Amino acid sequence: MNNLRWKAGALVVVILLCATLVLRAGKTTSSTAANVMSVSPAPHASVNAPPPQFASPCVATIPRSWGQYRGGSSQSGLAFEASDGTLRFITNLPCGATPVVALEVRRTAASSGDSLD
């Protein structure tokens, strides 16, 4: 029984020593405090400062002949449908240029054997 008490007492002492070391690690020393105090504060922004400049927006041009925008997804890109039924899918939009068509699906006139009706 005395052996168990001795072990429990030793464990309490070890825990208290570890807690003391952890608490001391979080405190600043006088040299650290002096370094922090010697840093000058940031200057205040003046009232008449100009507004921040933002980069010009990216603009891609889509030809009107491609038709109406029909939607988009992360997998197939943006879809446009022309008046003749042609679908164009765009996956990459370059700034300041006309995009390259990734996939173009053309409608053909239905012949007698191609109809599902």
PDB file of N, CA and C in Angstrom:
ATOM      1  N   MET A   1       0.824  -1.189   0.000  1.00  0.00           N
ATOM      2  CA  MET A   1       0.000   0.000   0.000  1.00  0.00           C
ATOM      3  C   MET A   1       0.868   1.253   0.000  1.00  0.00           C
ATOM      4  N   ASN A   2       1.977   1.224   0.767  1.00  0.00           N
ATOM      5  CA  ASN A   2       2.880   2.379   0.796  1.00  0.00           C
ATOM      6  C   ASN A   2       3.508   2.617  -0.576  1.00  0.00           C
ATOM      7  N   ASN A   3       3.779   1.530  -1.296  1.00  0.00           N
ATOM      8  CA  ASN A   3       4.353   1.650  -2.624  1.00  0.00           C
ATOM      9  C   ASN A   3       3.388   2.377  -3.553  1.00  0.00           C
ATOM     10  N   LEU A   4       2.089   2.093  -3.463  1.00  0.00           N
ATOM     11  CA  LEU A   4       1.081   2.734  -4.293  1.00  0.00           C
ATOM     12  C   LEU A   4       0.971   4.216  -3.954  1.00  0.00           C
ATOM     13  N   ARG A   5       1.027   4.558  -2.690  1.00  0.00           N
ATOM     14  CA  ARG A   5       0.973   5.971  -2.269  1.00  0.00           C
ATOM     15  C   ARG A   5       2.201   6.723  -2.768  1.00  0.00           C
ATOM     16  N   TRP A   6       3.352   6.068  -2.685  1.00  0.00           N
ATOM     17  CA  TRP A   6       4.582   6.722  -3.149  1.00  0.00           C
ATOM     18  C   TRP A   6       4.500   6.998  -4.645  1.00  0.00           C
ATOM     19  N   LYS A   7       3.997   6.044  -5.430  1.00  0.00           N
ATOM     20  CA  LYS A   7       3.860   6.237  -6.874  1.00  0.00           C
ATOM     21  C   LYS A   7       2.865   7.354  -7.184  1.00  0.00           C
ATOM     22  N   ALA A   8       1.755   7.400  -6.458  1.00  0.00           N
ATOM     23  CA  ALA A   8       0.754   8.444  -6.689  1.00  0.00           C
ATOM     24  C   ALA A   8       1.339   9.809  -6.345  1.00  0.00           C
ATOM     25  N   GLY A   9       2.099   9.896  -5.260  1.00  0.00           N
ATOM     26  CA  GLY A   9       2.728  11.166  -4.884  1.00  0.00           C
ATOM     27  C   GLY A   9       3.751  11.612  -5.917  1.00  0.00           C
ATOM     28  N   ALA A  10       4.542  10.674  -6.420  1.00  0.00           N
ATOM     29  CA  ALA A  10       5.534  11.005  -7.436  1.00  0.00           C
ATOM     30  C   ALA A  10       4.849  11.480  -8.715  1.00  0.00           C
ATOM     31  N   LEU A  11       3.733  10.859  -9.067  1.00  0.00           N
ATOM     32  CA  LEU A  11       2.992  11.256 -10.259  1.00  0.00           C
ATOM     33  C   LEU A  11       2.442  12.671 -10.112  1.00  0.00           C
ATOM     34  N   VAL A  12       1.943  13.021  -8.928  1.00  0.00           N
ATOM     35  CA  VAL A  12       1.436  14.376  -8.693  1.00  0.00           C
ATOM     36  C   VAL A  12       2.563  15.388  -8.825  1.00  0.00           C
ATOM     37  N   VAL A  13       3.736  15.074  -8.292  1.00  0.00           N
ATOM     38  CA  VAL A  13       4.878  15.991  -8.392  1.00  0.00           C
ATOM     39  C   VAL A  13       5.293  16.175  -9.854  1.00  0.00           C
ATOM     40  N   VAL A  14       5.314  15.105 -10.626  1.00  0.00           N
ATOM     41  CA  VAL A  14       5.683  15.199 -12.037  1.00  0.00           C
ATOM     42  C   VAL A  14       4.666  16.045 -12.793  1.00  0.00           C
ATOM     43  N   ILE A  15       3.394  15.856 -12.525  1.00  0.00           N
ATOM     44  CA  ILE A  15       2.344  16.641 -13.198  1.00  0.00           C
ATOM     45  C   ILE A  15       2.485  18.113 -12.852  1.00  0.00           C
ATOM     46  N   LEU A  16       2.745  18.439 -11.591  1.00  0.00           N
ATOM     47  CA  LEU A  16       2.908  19.837 -11.186  1.00  0.00           C
ATOM     48  C   LEU A  16       4.132  20.470 -11.839  1.00  0.00           C
ATOM     49  N   LEU A  17       5.246  19.720 -11.941  1.00  0.00           N
ATOM     50  CA  LEU A  17       6.441  20.244 -12.599  1.00  0.00           C
ATOM     51  C   LEU A  17       6.191  20.495 -14.088  1.00  0.00           C
ATOM     52  N   CYS A  18       5.495  19.574 -14.741  1.00  0.00           N
ATOM     53  CA  CYS A  18       5.183  19.758 -16.170  1.00  0.00           C
ATOM     54  C   CYS A  18       4.267  20.954 -16.373  1.00  0.00           C
ATOM     55  N   ALA A  19       3.287  21.125 -15.499  1.00  0.00           N
ATOM     56  CA  ALA A  19       2.374  22.258 -15.606  1.00  0.00           C
ATOM     57  C   ALA A  19       3.133  23.565 -15.417  1.00  0.00           C
ATOM     58  N   THR A  20       4.084  23.588 -14.493  1.00  0.00           N
ATOM     59  CA  THR A  20       4.886  24.790 -14.267  1.00  0.00           C
ATOM     60  C   THR A  20       5.708  25.126 -15.503  1.00  0.00           C
ATOM     61  N   LEU A  21       6.316  24.125 -16.122  1.00  0.00           N
ATOM     62  CA  LEU A  21       7.102  24.360 -17.333  1.00  0.00           C
ATOM     63  C   LEU A  21       6.229  24.878 -18.468  1.00  0.00           C
ATOM     64  N   VAL A  22       5.034  24.335 -18.606  1.00  0.00           N
ATOM     65  CA  VAL A  22       4.126  24.773 -19.673  1.00  0.00           C
ATOM     66  C   VAL A  22       3.707  26.215 -19.433  1.00  0.00           C
ATOM     67  N   LEU A  23       3.398  26.563 -18.214  1.00  0.00           N
ATOM     68  CA  LEU A  23       2.986  27.933 -17.910  1.00  0.00           C
ATOM     69  C   LEU A  23       4.131  28.917 -18.112  1.00  0.00           C
ATOM     70  N   ARG A  24       5.350  28.519 -17.775  1.00  0.00           N
ATOM     71  CA  ARG A  24       6.501  29.407 -17.980  1.00  0.00           C
ATOM     72  C   ARG A  24       6.786  29.605 -19.463  1.00  0.00           C
ATOM     73  N   ALA A  25       6.523  28.595 -20.271  1.00  0.00           N
ATOM     74  CA  ALA A  25       6.777  28.701 -21.708  1.00  0.00           C
ATOM     75  C   ALA A  25       5.886  29.741 -22.351  1.00  0.00           C
ATOM     76  N   GLY A  26       4.709  29.985 -21.799  1.00  0.00           N
ATOM     77  CA  GLY A  26       3.787  30.956 -22.368  1.00  0.00           C
ATOM     78  C   GLY A  26       4.062  32.389 -21.959  1.00  0.00           C
ATOM     79  N   LYS A  27       4.863  32.603 -20.920  1.00  0.00           N
ATOM     80  CA  LYS A  27       5.151  33.959 -20.455  1.00  0.00           C
ATOM     81  C   LYS A  27       6.245  34.590 -21.299  1.00  0.00           C
ATOM     82  N   THR A  28       6.156  35.912 -21.470  1.00  0.00           N
ATOM     83  CA  THR A  28       7.194  36.627 -22.206  1.00  0.00           C
ATOM     84  C   THR A  28       8.278  37.054 -21.228  1.00  0.00           C
ATOM     85  N   THR A  29       9.511  37.003 -21.693  1.00  0.00           N
ATOM     86  CA  THR A  29      10.615  37.459 -20.864  1.00  0.00           C
ATOM     87  C   THR A  29      10.773  38.954 -21.050  1.00  0.00           C
ATOM     88  N   SER A  30      11.613  39.569 -20.258  1.00  0.00           N
ATOM     89  CA  SER A  30      11.788  41.021 -20.354  1.00  0.00           C
ATOM     90  C   SER A  30      12.398  41.410 -21.694  1.00  0.00           C
ATOM     91  N   SER A  31      13.298  40.585 -22.272  1.00  0.00           N
ATOM     92  CA  SER A  31      13.886  40.933 -23.560  1.00  0.00           C
ATOM     93  C   SER A  31      12.855  40.831 -24.676  1.00  0.00           C
ATOM     94  N   THR A  32      11.967  39.868 -24.584  1.00  0.00           N
ATOM     95  CA  THR A  32      10.915  39.750 -25.594  1.00  0.00           C
ATOM     96  C   THR A  32       9.950  40.911 -25.485  1.00  0.00           C
ATOM     97  N   ALA A  33       9.604  41.296 -24.270  1.00  0.00           N
ATOM     98  CA  ALA A  33       8.696  42.424 -24.076  1.00  0.00           C
ATOM     99  C   ALA A  33       9.325  43.713 -24.580  1.00  0.00           C
ATOM    100  N   ALA A  34      10.650  43.870 -24.407  1.00  0.00           N
ATOM    101  CA  ALA A  34      11.319  45.082 -24.887  1.00  0.00           C
ATOM    102  C   ALA A  34      11.293  45.131 -26.410  1.00  0.00           C
ATOM    103  N   ASN A  35      11.468  43.987 -27.076  1.00  0.00           N
ATOM    104  CA  ASN A  35      11.412  43.955 -28.537  1.00  0.00           C
ATOM    105  C   ASN A  35      10.027  44.285 -29.055  1.00  0.00           C
ATOM    106  N   VAL A  36       9.012  43.812 -28.367  1.00  0.00           N
ATOM    107  CA  VAL A  36       7.653  44.089 -28.793  1.00  0.00           C
ATOM    108  C   VAL A  36       7.341  45.573 -28.627  1.00  0.00           C
ATOM    109  N   MET A  37       7.799  46.163 -27.552  1.00  0.00           N
ATOM    110  CA  MET A  37       7.506  47.566 -27.283  1.00  0.00           C
ATOM    111  C   MET A  37       8.269  48.495 -28.224  1.00  0.00           C
ATOM    112  N   SER A  38       9.400  48.059 -28.789  1.00  0.00           N
ATOM    113  CA  SER A  38      10.180  48.942 -29.638  1.00  0.00           C
ATOM    114  C   SER A  38       9.631  49.020 -31.058  1.00  0.00           C
ATOM    115  N   VAL A  39       8.661  48.186 -31.402  1.00  0.00           N
ATOM    116  CA  VAL A  39       8.066  48.220 -32.732  1.00  0.00           C
ATOM    117  C   VAL A  39       7.122  49.402 -32.818  1.00  0.00           C
ATOM    118  N   SER A  40       7.294  50.207 -33.852  1.00  0.00           N
ATOM    119  CA  SER A  40       6.430  51.382 -33.994  1.00  0.00           C
ATOM    120  C   SER A  40       5.076  50.955 -34.539  1.00  0.00           C
ATOM    121  N   PRO A  41       4.028  51.641 -34.150  1.00  0.00           N
ATOM    122  CA  PRO A  41       2.698  51.282 -34.638  1.00  0.00           C
ATOM    123  C   PRO A  41       2.556  51.616 -36.121  1.00  0.00           C
ATOM    124  N   ALA A  42       1.632  50.958 -36.773  1.00  0.00           N
ATOM    125  CA  ALA A  42       1.385  51.196 -38.200  1.00  0.00           C
ATOM    126  C   ALA A  42       0.803  52.595 -38.385  1.00  0.00           C
ATOM    127  N   PRO A  43       1.200  53.305 -39.440  1.00  0.00           N
ATOM    128  CA  PRO A  43       0.647  54.636 -39.661  1.00  0.00           C
ATOM    129  C   PRO A  43      -0.836  54.549 -39.990  1.00  0.00           C
ATOM    130  N   HIS A  44      -1.571  55.573 -39.577  1.00  0.00           N
ATOM    131  CA  HIS A  44      -3.010  55.619 -39.839  1.00  0.00           C
ATOM    132  C   HIS A  44      -3.253  56.034 -41.281  1.00  0.00           C
ATOM    133  N   ALA A  45      -4.283  55.466 -41.888  1.00  0.00           N
ATOM    134  CA  ALA A  45      -4.637  55.821 -43.255  1.00  0.00           C
ATOM    135  C   ALA A  45      -5.236  57.220 -43.260  1.00  0.00           C
ATOM    136  N   SER A  46      -4.837  58.012 -44.228  1.00  0.00           N
ATOM    137  CA  SER A  46      -5.378  59.371 -44.283  1.00  0.00           C
ATOM    138  C   SER A  46      -6.788  59.334 -44.841  1.00  0.00           C
ATOM    139  N   VAL A  47      -7.552  60.342 -44.531  1.00  0.00           N
ATOM    140  CA  VAL A  47      -8.936  60.420 -44.960  1.00  0.00           C
ATOM    141  C   VAL A  47      -9.019  60.620 -46.468  1.00  0.00           C
ATOM    142  N   ASN A  48      -8.051  61.292 -47.071  1.00  0.00           N
ATOM    143  CA  ASN A  48      -8.081  61.615 -48.492  1.00  0.00           C
ATOM    144  C   ASN A  48      -7.323  60.598 -49.343  1.00  0.00           C
ATOM    145  N   ALA A  49      -7.133  59.391 -48.837  1.00  0.00           N
ATOM    146  CA  ALA A  49      -6.399  58.377 -49.590  1.00  0.00           C
ATOM    147  C   ALA A  49      -7.226  57.954 -50.806  1.00  0.00           C
ATOM    148  N   PRO A  50      -6.578  57.714 -51.948  1.00  0.00           N
ATOM    149  CA  PRO A  50      -7.324  57.291 -53.139  1.00  0.00           C
ATOM    150  C   PRO A  50      -7.886  55.887 -52.937  1.00  0.00           C
ATOM    151  N   PRO A  51      -8.984  55.565 -53.608  1.00  0.00           N
ATOM    152  CA  PRO A  51      -9.551  54.220 -53.461  1.00  0.00           C
ATOM    153  C   PRO A  51      -8.597  53.184 -54.054  1.00  0.00           C
ATOM    154  N   PRO A  52      -8.659  51.953 -53.571  1.00  0.00           N
ATOM    155  CA  PRO A  52      -7.751  50.917 -54.077  1.00  0.00           C
ATOM    156  C   PRO A  52      -8.016  50.636 -55.555  1.00  0.00           C
ATOM    157  N   GLN A  53      -6.954  50.311 -56.275  1.00  0.00           N
ATOM    158  CA  GLN A  53      -7.062  49.999 -57.694  1.00  0.00           C
ATOM    159  C   GLN A  53      -7.280  48.495 -57.856  1.00  0.00           C
ATOM    160  N   PHE A  54      -8.255  48.135 -58.653  1.00  0.00           N
ATOM    161  CA  PHE A  54      -8.535  46.737 -58.924  1.00  0.00           C
ATOM    162  C   PHE A  54      -8.134  46.413 -60.353  1.00  0.00           C
ATOM    163  N   ALA A  55      -7.777  45.179 -60.582  1.00  0.00           N
ATOM    164  CA  ALA A  55      -7.396  44.755 -61.926  1.00  0.00           C
ATOM    165  C   ALA A  55      -8.615  44.823 -62.841  1.00  0.00           C
ATOM    166  N   SER A  56      -8.382  45.077 -64.103  1.00  0.00           N
ATOM    167  CA  SER A  56      -9.493  45.141 -65.041  1.00  0.00           C
ATOM    168  C   SER A  56     -10.108  43.747 -65.183  1.00  0.00           C
ATOM    169  N   PRO A  57     -11.423  43.672 -65.380  1.00  0.00           N
ATOM    170  CA  PRO A  57     -12.068  42.362 -65.456  1.00  0.00           C
ATOM    171  C   PRO A  57     -11.702  41.625 -66.742  1.00  0.00           C
ATOM    172  N   CYS A  58     -11.786  40.339 -66.679  1.00  0.00           N
ATOM    173  CA  CYS A  58     -11.526  39.491 -67.844  1.00  0.00           C
ATOM    174  C   CYS A  58     -12.797  39.476 -68.702  1.00  0.00           C
ATOM    175  N   VAL A  59     -12.648  39.737 -70.008  1.00  0.00           N
ATOM    176  CA  VAL A  59     -13.794  39.754 -70.907  1.00  0.00           C
ATOM    177  C   VAL A  59     -13.514  38.815 -72.080  1.00  0.00           C
ATOM    178  N   ALA A  60     -14.376  37.827 -72.248  1.00  0.00           N
ATOM    179  CA  ALA A  60     -14.302  36.932 -73.398  1.00  0.00           C
ATOM    180  C   ALA A  60     -15.477  37.265 -74.310  1.00  0.00           C
ATOM    181  N   THR A  61     -15.257  37.242 -75.604  1.00  0.00           N
ATOM    182  CA  THR A  61     -16.297  37.603 -76.566  1.00  0.00           C
ATOM    183  C   THR A  61     -16.832  36.349 -77.244  1.00  0.00           C
ATOM    184  N   ILE A  62     -18.149  36.184 -77.213  1.00  0.00           N
ATOM    185  CA  ILE A  62     -18.807  35.054 -77.852  1.00  0.00           C
ATOM    186  C   ILE A  62     -19.521  35.586 -79.091  1.00  0.00           C
ATOM    187  N   PRO A  63     -19.276  35.009 -80.282  1.00  0.00           N
ATOM    188  CA  PRO A  63     -19.967  35.477 -81.486  1.00  0.00           C
ATOM    189  C   PRO A  63     -21.484  35.292 -81.382  1.00  0.00           C
ATOM    190  N   ARG A  64     -22.235  36.261 -81.874  1.00  0.00           N
ATOM    191  CA  ARG A  64     -23.695  36.193 -81.837  1.00  0.00           C
ATOM    192  C   ARG A  64     -24.208  34.986 -82.633  1.00  0.00           C
ATOM    193  N   SER A  65     -23.460  34.568 -83.653  1.00  0.00           N
ATOM    194  CA  SER A  65     -23.878  33.430 -84.486  1.00  0.00           C
ATOM    195  C   SER A  65     -23.910  32.115 -83.705  1.00  0.00           C
ATOM    196  N   TRP A  66     -23.259  32.052 -82.552  1.00  0.00           N
ATOM    197  CA  TRP A  66     -23.283  30.842 -81.745  1.00  0.00           C
ATOM    198  C   TRP A  66     -24.636  30.641 -81.089  1.00  0.00           C
ATOM    199  N   GLY A  67     -25.475  31.664 -81.077  1.00  0.00           N
ATOM    200  CA  GLY A  67     -26.830  31.539 -80.550  1.00  0.00           C
ATOM    201  C   GLY A  67     -26.932  31.863 -79.076  1.00  0.00           C
ATOM    202  N   GLN A  68     -27.976  31.292 -78.474  1.00  0.00           N
ATOM    203  CA  GLN A  68     -28.302  31.594 -77.082  1.00  0.00           C
ATOM    204  C   GLN A  68     -27.517  30.723 -76.109  1.00  0.00           C
ATOM    205  N   TYR A  69     -27.210  31.325 -74.966  1.00  0.00           N
ATOM    206  CA  TYR A  69     -26.562  30.584 -73.874  1.00  0.00           C
ATOM    207  C   TYR A  69     -27.596  29.633 -73.283  1.00  0.00           C
ATOM    208  N   ARG A  70     -27.252  28.368 -73.146  1.00  0.00           N
ATOM    209  CA  ARG A  70     -28.202  27.370 -72.644  1.00  0.00           C
ATOM    210  C   ARG A  70     -27.844  26.839 -71.266  1.00  0.00           C
ATOM    211  N   GLY A  71     -26.704  27.158 -70.744  1.00  0.00           N
ATOM    212  CA  GLY A  71     -26.344  26.692 -69.414  1.00  0.00           C
ATOM    213  C   GLY A  71     -24.892  26.277 -69.353  1.00  0.00           C
ATOM    214  N   GLY A  72     -24.494  25.790 -68.210  1.00  0.00           N
ATOM    215  CA  GLY A  72     -23.116  25.371 -68.043  1.00  0.00           C
ATOM    216  C   GLY A  72     -22.955  24.446 -66.863  1.00  0.00           C
ATOM    217  N   SER A  73     -21.871  23.688 -66.891  1.00  0.00           N
ATOM    218  CA  SER A  73     -21.527  22.819 -65.769  1.00  0.00           C
ATOM    219  C   SER A  73     -20.015  22.702 -65.703  1.00  0.00           C
ATOM    220  N   SER A  74     -19.523  22.209 -64.576  1.00  0.00           N
ATOM    221  CA  SER A  74     -18.075  22.067 -64.418  1.00  0.00           C
ATOM    222  C   SER A  74     -17.524  20.965 -65.314  1.00  0.00           C
ATOM    223  N   GLN A  75     -18.356  20.024 -65.738  1.00  0.00           N
ATOM    224  CA  GLN A  75     -17.885  18.925 -66.585  1.00  0.00           C
ATOM    225  C   GLN A  75     -17.913  19.275 -68.065  1.00  0.00           C
ATOM    226  N   SER A  76     -19.044  19.840 -68.540  1.00  0.00           N
ATOM    227  CA  SER A  76     -19.170  20.084 -69.980  1.00  0.00           C
ATOM    228  C   SER A  76     -18.858  21.514 -70.382  1.00  0.00           C
ATOM    229  N   GLY A  77     -18.766  22.435 -69.464  1.00  0.00           N
ATOM    230  CA  GLY A  77     -18.474  23.830 -69.787  1.00  0.00           C
ATOM    231  C   GLY A  77     -19.743  24.612 -70.068  1.00  0.00           C
ATOM    232  N   LEU A  78     -19.617  25.694 -70.833  1.00  0.00           N
ATOM    233  CA  LEU A  78     -20.751  26.538 -71.193  1.00  0.00           C
ATOM    234  C   LEU A  78     -21.342  26.055 -72.511  1.00  0.00           C
ATOM    235  N   ALA A  79     -22.669  26.062 -72.605  1.00  0.00           N
ATOM    236  CA  ALA A  79     -23.336  25.570 -73.808  1.00  0.00           C
ATOM    237  C   ALA A  79     -24.078  26.708 -74.502  1.00  0.00           C
ATOM    238  N   PHE A  80     -23.951  26.761 -75.846  1.00  0.00           N
ATOM    239  CA  PHE A  80     -24.650  27.734 -76.679  1.00  0.00           C
ATOM    240  C   PHE A  80     -25.376  26.971 -77.780  1.00  0.00           C
ATOM    241  N   GLU A  81     -26.615  27.413 -78.079  1.00  0.00           N
ATOM    242  CA  GLU A  81     -27.401  26.764 -79.126  1.00  0.00           C
ATOM    243  C   GLU A  81     -27.714  27.769 -80.218  1.00  0.00           C
ATOM    244  N   ALA A  82     -27.283  27.461 -81.433  1.00  0.00           N
ATOM    245  CA  ALA A  82     -27.540  28.325 -82.586  1.00  0.00           C
ATOM    246  C   ALA A  82     -28.944  28.071 -83.118  1.00  0.00           C
ATOM    247  N   SER A  83     -29.419  28.961 -84.005  1.00  0.00           N
ATOM    248  CA  SER A  83     -30.774  28.844 -84.552  1.00  0.00           C
ATOM    249  C   SER A  83     -30.964  27.582 -85.391  1.00  0.00           C
ATOM    250  N   ASP A  84     -29.900  27.031 -85.961  1.00  0.00           N
ATOM    251  CA  ASP A  84     -30.015  25.798 -86.755  1.00  0.00           C
ATOM    252  C   ASP A  84     -29.928  24.540 -85.896  1.00  0.00           C
ATOM    253  N   GLY A  85     -29.853  24.698 -84.558  1.00  0.00           N
ATOM    254  CA  GLY A  85     -29.812  23.558 -83.650  1.00  0.00           C
ATOM    255  C   GLY A  85     -28.424  23.115 -83.261  1.00  0.00           C
ATOM    256  N   THR A  86     -27.390  23.756 -83.802  1.00  0.00           N
ATOM    257  CA  THR A  86     -26.018  23.392 -83.463  1.00  0.00           C
ATOM    258  C   THR A  86     -25.719  23.769 -82.017  1.00  0.00           C
ATOM    259  N   LEU A  87     -25.155  22.844 -81.275  1.00  0.00           N
ATOM    260  CA  LEU A  87     -24.744  23.089 -79.886  1.00  0.00           C
ATOM    261  C   LEU A  87     -23.230  23.236 -79.852  1.00  0.00           C
ATOM    262  N   ARG A  88     -22.751  24.251 -79.152  1.00  0.00           N
ATOM    263  CA  ARG A  88     -21.305  24.465 -78.971  1.00  0.00           C
ATOM    264  C   ARG A  88     -21.005  24.498 -77.479  1.00  0.00           C
ATOM    265  N   PHE A  89     -19.988  23.754 -77.081  1.00  0.00           N
ATOM    266  CA  PHE A  89     -19.576  23.695 -75.679  1.00  0.00           C
ATOM    267  C   PHE A  89     -18.191  24.316 -75.541  1.00  0.00           C
ATOM    268  N   ILE A  90     -18.061  25.235 -74.594  1.00  0.00           N
ATOM    269  CA  ILE A  90     -16.822  25.963 -74.348  1.00  0.00           C
ATOM    270  C   ILE A  90     -16.309  25.557 -72.970  1.00  0.00           C
ATOM    271  N   THR A  91     -15.058  25.125 -72.889  1.00  0.00           N
ATOM    272  CA  THR A  91     -14.495  24.729 -71.588  1.00  0.00           C
ATOM    273  C   THR A  91     -13.469  25.725 -71.069  1.00  0.00           C
ATOM    274  N   ASN A  92     -12.807  26.462 -71.955  1.00  0.00           N
ATOM    275  CA  ASN A  92     -11.803  27.443 -71.524  1.00  0.00           C
ATOM    276  C   ASN A  92     -12.168  28.808 -72.087  1.00  0.00           C
ATOM    277  N   LEU A  93     -12.215  29.811 -71.221  1.00  0.00           N
ATOM    278  CA  LEU A  93     -12.545  31.171 -71.650  1.00  0.00           C
ATOM    279  C   LEU A  93     -11.301  32.047 -71.543  1.00  0.00           C
ATOM    280  N   PRO A  94     -10.668  32.390 -72.653  1.00  0.00           N
ATOM    281  CA  PRO A  94      -9.486  33.258 -72.600  1.00  0.00           C
ATOM    282  C   PRO A  94      -9.907  34.719 -72.460  1.00  0.00           C
ATOM    283  N   CYS A  95      -9.126  35.490 -71.745  1.00  0.00           N
ATOM    284  CA  CYS A  95      -9.410  36.919 -71.586  1.00  0.00           C
ATOM    285  C   CYS A  95      -9.079  37.651 -72.879  1.00  0.00           C
ATOM    286  N   GLY A  96     -10.006  38.484 -73.337  1.00  0.00           N
ATOM    287  CA  GLY A  96      -9.761  39.334 -74.484  1.00  0.00           C
ATOM    288  C   GLY A  96      -9.738  38.620 -75.820  1.00  0.00           C
ATOM    289  N   ALA A  97     -10.313  37.429 -75.908  1.00  0.00           N
ATOM    290  CA  ALA A  97     -10.290  36.691 -77.168  1.00  0.00           C
ATOM    291  C   ALA A  97     -11.563  35.861 -77.285  1.00  0.00           C
ATOM    292  N   THR A  98     -11.785  35.326 -78.484  1.00  0.00           N
ATOM    293  CA  THR A  98     -12.912  34.425 -78.710  1.00  0.00           C
ATOM    294  C   THR A  98     -12.494  33.021 -78.287  1.00  0.00           C
ATOM    295  N   PRO A  99     -13.306  32.333 -77.475  1.00  0.00           N
ATOM    296  CA  PRO A  99     -12.940  30.999 -77.014  1.00  0.00           C
ATOM    297  C   PRO A  99     -12.935  29.972 -78.145  1.00  0.00           C
ATOM    298  N   VAL A 100     -12.202  28.914 -77.936  1.00  0.00           N
ATOM    299  CA  VAL A 100     -12.154  27.800 -78.875  1.00  0.00           C
ATOM    300  C   VAL A 100     -13.245  26.814 -78.467  1.00  0.00           C
ATOM    301  N   VAL A 101     -13.978  26.321 -79.446  1.00  0.00           N
ATOM    302  CA  VAL A 101     -15.061  25.381 -79.178  1.00  0.00           C
ATOM    303  C   VAL A 101     -14.456  24.024 -78.830  1.00  0.00           C
ATOM    304  N   ALA A 102     -14.851  23.476 -77.667  1.00  0.00           N
ATOM    305  CA  ALA A 102     -14.351  22.171 -77.250  1.00  0.00           C
ATOM    306  C   ALA A 102     -15.144  21.047 -77.906  1.00  0.00           C
ATOM    307  N   LEU A 103     -16.452  21.261 -78.093  1.00  0.00           N
ATOM    308  CA  LEU A 103     -17.299  20.255 -78.731  1.00  0.00           C
ATOM    309  C   LEU A 103     -18.396  20.978 -79.480  1.00  0.00           C
ATOM    310  N   GLU A 104     -18.633  20.542 -80.731  1.00  0.00           N
ATOM    311  CA  GLU A 104     -19.720  21.103 -81.535  1.00  0.00           C
ATOM    312  C   GLU A 104     -20.606  19.956 -81.984  1.00  0.00           C
ATOM    313  N   VAL A 105     -21.887  20.052 -81.675  1.00  0.00           N
ATOM    314  CA  VAL A 105     -22.856  19.025 -82.047  1.00  0.00           C
ATOM    315  C   VAL A 105     -23.776  19.648 -83.081  1.00  0.00           C
ATOM    316  N   ARG A 106     -23.761  19.086 -84.313  1.00  0.00           N
ATOM    317  CA  ARG A 106     -24.572  19.632 -85.406  1.00  0.00           C
ATOM    318  C   ARG A 106     -25.797  18.773 -85.619  1.00  0.00           C
ATOM    319  N   ARG A 107     -26.917  19.437 -85.903  1.00  0.00           N
ATOM    320  CA  ARG A 107     -28.160  18.734 -86.237  1.00  0.00           C
ATOM    321  C   ARG A 107     -28.220  18.533 -87.738  1.00  0.00           C
ATOM    322  N   THR A 108     -28.620  17.394 -88.161  1.00  0.00           N
ATOM    323  CA  THR A 108     -28.804  17.108 -89.581  1.00  0.00           C
ATOM    324  C   THR A 108     -30.289  16.952 -89.853  1.00  0.00           C
ATOM    325  N   ALA A 109     -30.655  17.121 -91.109  1.00  0.00           N
ATOM    326  CA  ALA A 109     -32.057  16.928 -91.493  1.00  0.00           C
ATOM    327  C   ALA A 109     -32.409  15.457 -91.334  1.00  0.00           C
ATOM    328  N   ALA A 110     -33.550  15.204 -90.764  1.00  0.00           N
ATOM    329  CA  ALA A 110     -33.974  13.809 -90.539  1.00  0.00           C
ATOM    330  C   ALA A 110     -34.355  13.169 -91.850  1.00  0.00           C
ATOM    331  N   SER A 111     -33.797  12.008 -92.117  1.00  0.00           N
ATOM    332  CA  SER A 111     -34.200  11.250 -93.294  1.00  0.00           C
ATOM    333  C   SER A 111     -35.234  10.225 -92.866  1.00  0.00           C
ATOM    334  N   SER A 112     -35.822   9.527 -93.806  1.00  0.00           N
ATOM    335  CA  SER A 112     -36.931   8.606 -93.478  1.00  0.00           C
ATOM    336  C   SER A 112     -36.504   7.474 -92.553  1.00  0.00           C
ATOM    337  N   GLY A 113     -35.282   7.009 -92.622  1.00  0.00           N
ATOM    338  CA  GLY A 113     -34.841   5.894 -91.814  1.00  0.00           C
ATOM    339  C   GLY A 113     -34.245   6.288 -90.482  1.00  0.00           C
ATOM    340  N   ASP A 114     -33.941   7.593 -90.271  1.00  0.00           N
ATOM    341  CA  ASP A 114     -33.279   8.032 -89.037  1.00  0.00           C
ATOM    342  C   ASP A 114     -34.245   8.439 -87.943  1.00  0.00           C
ATOM    343  N   SER A 115     -35.493   8.575 -88.240  1.00  0.00           N
ATOM    344  CA  SER A 115     -36.450   9.088 -87.273  1.00  0.00           C
ATOM    345  C   SER A 115     -36.816   8.007 -86.262  1.00  0.00           C
ATOM    346  N   LEU A 116     -36.978   8.414 -85.012  1.00  0.00           N
ATOM    347  CA  LEU A 116     -37.384   7.487 -83.945  1.00  0.00           C
ATOM    348  C   LEU A 116     -38.892   7.501 -83.757  1.00  0.00           C
ATOM    349  N   ASP A 117     -39.596   8.370 -84.475  1.00  0.00           N
ATOM    350  CA  ASP A 117     -41.053   8.497 -84.291  1.00  0.00           C
ATOM    351  C   ASP A 117     -41.803   7.316 -84.824  1.00  0.00           C
TER     352      ASP A 117
END
